[in-house]
């Protein structure tokens, strides 16, 4: 088996990188890489360099999950500050900031089968809590949350 060369970037973030996700290619852009870190930022990379294209700020605690919409036009980040930030990939503008009570969100993803309207947040699925015993479904501002909780 032949291994591909590995490109590394020193100091890609100011703290540990906890999450990464691919942004699908669009008519205007090749596939890109999203990374989230304990330094409270999300960074967008051109993997060919690799070259940092932009930094998305706004979380006040570490970013633990990032996801890109199948259209490649919007992305979202979840932080242990209990907020989800949805932003436009091309402009880096924030589209929405959602609070995720009662606990922080540890994983998020977009429905991979919905590629249509990129402004539809109903297709963002969030996994919250640290327990593993049960999952309850909660609807919050047109976003579907799967909340895990211990039943002790």
C-alpha atoms as a PDB file:
ATOM      1  CA  UNK A   1       0.000   0.000   0.000  1.00  0.00           C
ATOM      2  CA  UNK A   2       1.261   3.432  -0.948  1.00  0.00           C
ATOM      3  CA  UNK A   3       0.573   6.320   1.427  1.00  0.00           C
ATOM      4  CA  UNK A   4      -0.155   9.819   0.200  1.00  0.00           C
ATOM      5  CA  UNK A   5       2.100  12.601   1.445  1.00  0.00           C
ATOM      6  CA  UNK A   6       0.758  14.425   4.478  1.00  0.00           C
ATOM      7  CA  UNK A   7       0.658  18.216   4.453  1.00  0.00           C
ATOM      8  CA  UNK A   8       0.852  19.764   7.897  1.00  0.00           C
ATOM      9  CA  UNK A   9       0.345  23.302   9.088  1.00  0.00           C
ATOM     10  CA  UNK A  10       2.146  24.371  12.211  1.00  0.00           C
ATOM     11  CA  UNK A  11       0.077  26.569  14.544  1.00  0.00           C
ATOM     12  CA  UNK A  12      -3.088  26.075  12.482  1.00  0.00           C
ATOM     13  CA  UNK A  13      -5.010  27.152  15.588  1.00  0.00           C
ATOM     14  CA  UNK A  14      -3.911  28.667  18.891  1.00  0.00           C
ATOM     15  CA  UNK A  15      -5.174  25.607  20.810  1.00  0.00           C
ATOM     16  CA  UNK A  16      -6.107  21.975  20.121  1.00  0.00           C
ATOM     17  CA  UNK A  17      -8.182  21.194  17.020  1.00  0.00           C
ATOM     18  CA  UNK A  18     -11.208  19.152  18.109  1.00  0.00           C
ATOM     19  CA  UNK A  19     -13.169  18.853  14.903  1.00  0.00           C
ATOM     20  CA  UNK A  20     -12.897  18.962  11.128  1.00  0.00           C
ATOM     21  CA  UNK A  21     -15.294  18.537   8.213  1.00  0.00           C
ATOM     22  CA  UNK A  22     -15.217  18.817   4.447  1.00  0.00           C
ATOM     23  CA  UNK A  23     -17.183  21.533   2.670  1.00  0.00           C
ATOM     24  CA  UNK A  24     -18.460  20.179  -0.672  1.00  0.00           C
ATOM     25  CA  UNK A  25     -17.338  21.900  -3.862  1.00  0.00           C
ATOM     26  CA  UNK A  26     -19.595  24.549  -5.407  1.00  0.00           C
ATOM     27  CA  UNK A  27     -19.593  26.174  -8.830  1.00  0.00           C
ATOM     28  CA  UNK A  28     -17.359  28.898  -7.379  1.00  0.00           C
ATOM     29  CA  UNK A  29     -15.138  26.913  -5.035  1.00  0.00           C
ATOM     30  CA  UNK A  30     -13.284  23.600  -4.783  1.00  0.00           C
ATOM     31  CA  UNK A  31     -13.830  21.340  -1.745  1.00  0.00           C
ATOM     32  CA  UNK A  32     -12.643  23.117   1.396  1.00  0.00           C
ATOM     33  CA  UNK A  33     -11.802  22.030   4.934  1.00  0.00           C
ATOM     34  CA  UNK A  34     -13.393  23.400   8.125  1.00  0.00           C
ATOM     35  CA  UNK A  35     -11.632  23.072  11.470  1.00  0.00           C
ATOM     36  CA  UNK A  36     -12.820  23.972  14.958  1.00  0.00           C
ATOM     37  CA  UNK A  37     -10.640  24.455  17.985  1.00  0.00           C
ATOM     38  CA  UNK A  38     -10.535  25.079  21.695  1.00  0.00           C
ATOM     39  CA  UNK A  39      -9.241  28.536  20.719  1.00  0.00           C
ATOM     40  CA  UNK A  40     -12.935  29.413  20.076  1.00  0.00           C
ATOM     41  CA  UNK A  41     -12.523  29.773  16.292  1.00  0.00           C
ATOM     42  CA  UNK A  42     -13.583  28.009  13.121  1.00  0.00           C
ATOM     43  CA  UNK A  43     -11.154  28.167  10.230  1.00  0.00           C
ATOM     44  CA  UNK A  44     -11.734  27.506   6.551  1.00  0.00           C
ATOM     45  CA  UNK A  45      -8.855  26.027   4.568  1.00  0.00           C
ATOM     46  CA  UNK A  46      -7.940  25.373   0.969  1.00  0.00           C
ATOM     47  CA  UNK A  47      -6.463  21.885   1.391  1.00  0.00           C
ATOM     48  CA  UNK A  48      -4.217  22.267  -1.679  1.00  0.00           C
ATOM     49  CA  UNK A  49      -1.782  24.575   0.163  1.00  0.00           C
ATOM     50  CA  UNK A  50      -2.909  24.038   2.768  1.00  0.00           C
ATOM     51  CA  UNK A  51      -3.804  27.715   3.056  1.00  0.00           C
ATOM     52  CA  UNK A  52      -6.052  29.410   5.621  1.00  0.00           C
ATOM     53  CA  UNK A  53      -8.833  31.298   3.821  1.00  0.00           C
ATOM     54  CA  UNK A  54     -10.787  32.777   6.724  1.00  0.00           C
ATOM     55  CA  UNK A  55     -11.414  32.608  10.453  1.00  0.00           C
ATOM     56  CA  UNK A  56     -14.911  32.674  11.947  1.00  0.00           C
ATOM     57  CA  UNK A  57     -15.072  34.012  15.500  1.00  0.00           C
ATOM     58  CA  UNK A  58     -17.890  34.561  17.953  1.00  0.00           C
ATOM     59  CA  UNK A  59     -17.852  31.580  20.300  1.00  0.00           C
ATOM     60  CA  UNK A  60     -16.728  32.261  23.860  1.00  0.00           C
ATOM     61  CA  UNK A  61     -15.653  28.667  24.601  1.00  0.00           C
ATOM     62  CA  UNK A  62     -14.057  25.917  22.519  1.00  0.00           C
ATOM     63  CA  UNK A  63     -15.580  24.710  19.241  1.00  0.00           C
ATOM     64  CA  UNK A  64     -16.287  20.973  19.406  1.00  0.00           C
ATOM     65  CA  UNK A  65     -18.175  20.308  16.162  1.00  0.00           C
ATOM     66  CA  UNK A  66     -18.374  21.752  12.654  1.00  0.00           C
ATOM     67  CA  UNK A  67     -20.539  20.714   9.714  1.00  0.00           C
ATOM     68  CA  UNK A  68     -21.170  21.871   6.165  1.00  0.00           C
ATOM     69  CA  UNK A  69     -24.482  21.874   4.332  1.00  0.00           C
ATOM     70  CA  UNK A  70     -24.470  19.505   1.305  1.00  0.00           C
ATOM     71  CA  UNK A  71     -24.763  22.547  -0.984  1.00  0.00           C
ATOM     72  CA  UNK A  72     -21.325  23.732   0.214  1.00  0.00           C
ATOM     73  CA  UNK A  73     -22.737  27.225   0.757  1.00  0.00           C
ATOM     74  CA  UNK A  74     -23.359  27.288   4.526  1.00  0.00           C
ATOM     75  CA  UNK A  75     -21.672  25.745   7.525  1.00  0.00           C
ATOM     76  CA  UNK A  76     -22.300  25.563  11.256  1.00  0.00           C
ATOM     77  CA  UNK A  77     -20.234  25.301  14.398  1.00  0.00           C
ATOM     78  CA  UNK A  78     -21.134  24.119  17.886  1.00  0.00           C
ATOM     79  CA  UNK A  79     -19.328  25.144  21.030  1.00  0.00           C
ATOM     80  CA  UNK A  80     -19.354  24.208  24.676  1.00  0.00           C
ATOM     81  CA  UNK A  81     -20.697  27.756  25.185  1.00  0.00           C
ATOM     82  CA  UNK A  82     -24.111  26.239  24.229  1.00  0.00           C
ATOM     83  CA  UNK A  83     -24.383  28.228  20.989  1.00  0.00           C
ATOM     84  CA  UNK A  84     -24.560  27.110  17.372  1.00  0.00           C
ATOM     85  CA  UNK A  85     -23.342  29.578  14.772  1.00  0.00           C
ATOM     86  CA  UNK A  86     -24.486  29.170  11.176  1.00  0.00           C
ATOM     87  CA  UNK A  87     -22.512  31.105   8.578  1.00  0.00           C
ATOM     88  CA  UNK A  88     -22.129  31.677   4.858  1.00  0.00           C
ATOM     89  CA  UNK A  89     -18.995  29.883   3.627  1.00  0.00           C
ATOM     90  CA  UNK A  90     -18.192  32.373   0.843  1.00  0.00           C
ATOM     91  CA  UNK A  91     -18.601  35.587   2.844  1.00  0.00           C
ATOM     92  CA  UNK A  92     -18.014  34.333   6.415  1.00  0.00           C
ATOM     93  CA  UNK A  93     -21.144  36.288   7.458  1.00  0.00           C
ATOM     94  CA  UNK A  94     -23.206  34.897  10.337  1.00  0.00           C
ATOM     95  CA  UNK A  95     -26.642  33.720   9.181  1.00  0.00           C
ATOM     96  CA  UNK A  96     -27.977  32.606  12.569  1.00  0.00           C
ATOM     97  CA  UNK A  97     -26.895  32.142  16.156  1.00  0.00           C
ATOM     98  CA  UNK A  98     -28.918  29.544  18.051  1.00  0.00           C
ATOM     99  CA  UNK A  99     -28.859  28.827  21.766  1.00  0.00           C
ATOM    100  CA  UNK A 100     -29.015  25.154  22.668  1.00  0.00           C
ATOM    101  CA  UNK A 101     -30.477  24.782  26.131  1.00  0.00           C
ATOM    102  CA  UNK A 102     -30.422  22.854  28.406  1.00  0.00           C
ATOM    103  CA  UNK A 103     -26.861  21.745  27.667  1.00  0.00           C
ATOM    104  CA  UNK A 104     -24.040  22.234  25.239  1.00  0.00           C
ATOM    105  CA  UNK A 105     -24.014  20.651  21.766  1.00  0.00           C
ATOM    106  CA  UNK A 106     -21.245  18.127  21.139  1.00  0.00           C
ATOM    107  CA  UNK A 107     -22.018  17.077  17.572  1.00  0.00           C
ATOM    108  CA  UNK A 108     -23.942  18.558  14.685  1.00  0.00           C
ATOM    109  CA  UNK A 109     -24.577  17.645  11.086  1.00  0.00           C
ATOM    110  CA  UNK A 110     -26.778  18.663   8.213  1.00  0.00           C
ATOM    111  CA  UNK A 111     -29.195  16.212   6.624  1.00  0.00           C
ATOM    112  CA  UNK A 112     -27.109  14.869   3.699  1.00  0.00           C
ATOM    113  CA  UNK A 113     -30.174  14.276   1.533  1.00  0.00           C
ATOM    114  CA  UNK A 114     -31.329  17.910   1.452  1.00  0.00           C
ATOM    115  CA  UNK A 115     -29.357  19.966  -1.039  1.00  0.00           C
ATOM    116  CA  UNK A 116     -32.023  22.541  -1.990  1.00  0.00           C
ATOM    117  CA  UNK A 117     -32.575  25.800  -0.145  1.00  0.00           C
ATOM    118  CA  UNK A 118     -29.415  26.609   1.825  1.00  0.00           C
ATOM    119  CA  UNK A 119     -31.288  28.841   4.251  1.00  0.00           C
ATOM    120  CA  UNK A 120     -33.399  26.012   5.672  1.00  0.00           C
ATOM    121  CA  UNK A 121     -32.215  25.329   9.234  1.00  0.00           C
ATOM    122  CA  UNK A 122     -34.720  22.505   9.697  1.00  0.00           C
ATOM    123  CA  UNK A 123     -32.050  20.240   8.212  1.00  0.00           C
ATOM    124  CA  UNK A 124     -29.501  20.853  10.968  1.00  0.00           C
ATOM    125  CA  UNK A 125     -29.347  17.958  13.446  1.00  0.00           C
ATOM    126  CA  UNK A 126     -27.700  18.543  16.817  1.00  0.00           C
ATOM    127  CA  UNK A 127     -26.584  15.976  19.372  1.00  0.00           C
ATOM    128  CA  UNK A 128     -26.348  17.263  22.908  1.00  0.00           C
ATOM    129  CA  UNK A 129     -25.408  16.078  26.383  1.00  0.00           C
ATOM    130  CA  UNK A 130     -22.884  13.597  27.658  1.00  0.00           C
ATOM    131  CA  UNK A 131     -25.065  10.659  28.707  1.00  0.00           C
ATOM    132  CA  UNK A 132     -25.464   7.530  26.637  1.00  0.00           C
ATOM    133  CA  UNK A 133     -28.556   5.882  28.090  1.00  0.00           C
ATOM    134  CA  UNK A 134     -31.432   7.524  26.224  1.00  0.00           C
ATOM    135  CA  UNK A 135     -32.117  10.021  23.510  1.00  0.00           C
ATOM    136  CA  UNK A 136     -35.039  12.412  23.570  1.00  0.00           C
ATOM    137  CA  UNK A 137     -36.167  14.534  20.665  1.00  0.00           C
ATOM    138  CA  UNK A 138     -36.647  18.253  21.162  1.00  0.00           C
ATOM    139  CA  UNK A 139     -37.728  20.865  18.621  1.00  0.00           C
ATOM    140  CA  UNK A 140     -36.240  24.343  19.053  1.00  0.00           C
ATOM    141  CA  UNK A 141     -36.602  27.212  16.543  1.00  0.00           C
ATOM    142  CA  UNK A 142     -37.151  24.842  13.626  1.00  0.00           C
ATOM    143  CA  UNK A 143     -33.994  22.886  14.449  1.00  0.00           C
ATOM    144  CA  UNK A 144     -34.071  19.238  15.466  1.00  0.00           C
ATOM    145  CA  UNK A 145     -32.104  18.389  18.633  1.00  0.00           C
ATOM    146  CA  UNK A 146     -31.282  14.891  19.829  1.00  0.00           C
ATOM    147  CA  UNK A 147     -30.601  15.315  23.534  1.00  0.00           C
ATOM    148  CA  UNK A 148     -28.848  12.458  25.285  1.00  0.00           C
ATOM    149  CA  UNK A 149     -29.355  12.109  29.016  1.00  0.00           C
ATOM    150  CA  UNK A 150     -28.542   9.664  31.770  1.00  0.00           C
ATOM    151  CA  UNK A 151     -31.478   7.877  33.381  1.00  0.00           C
ATOM    152  CA  UNK A 152     -29.343   6.646  36.252  1.00  0.00           C
END
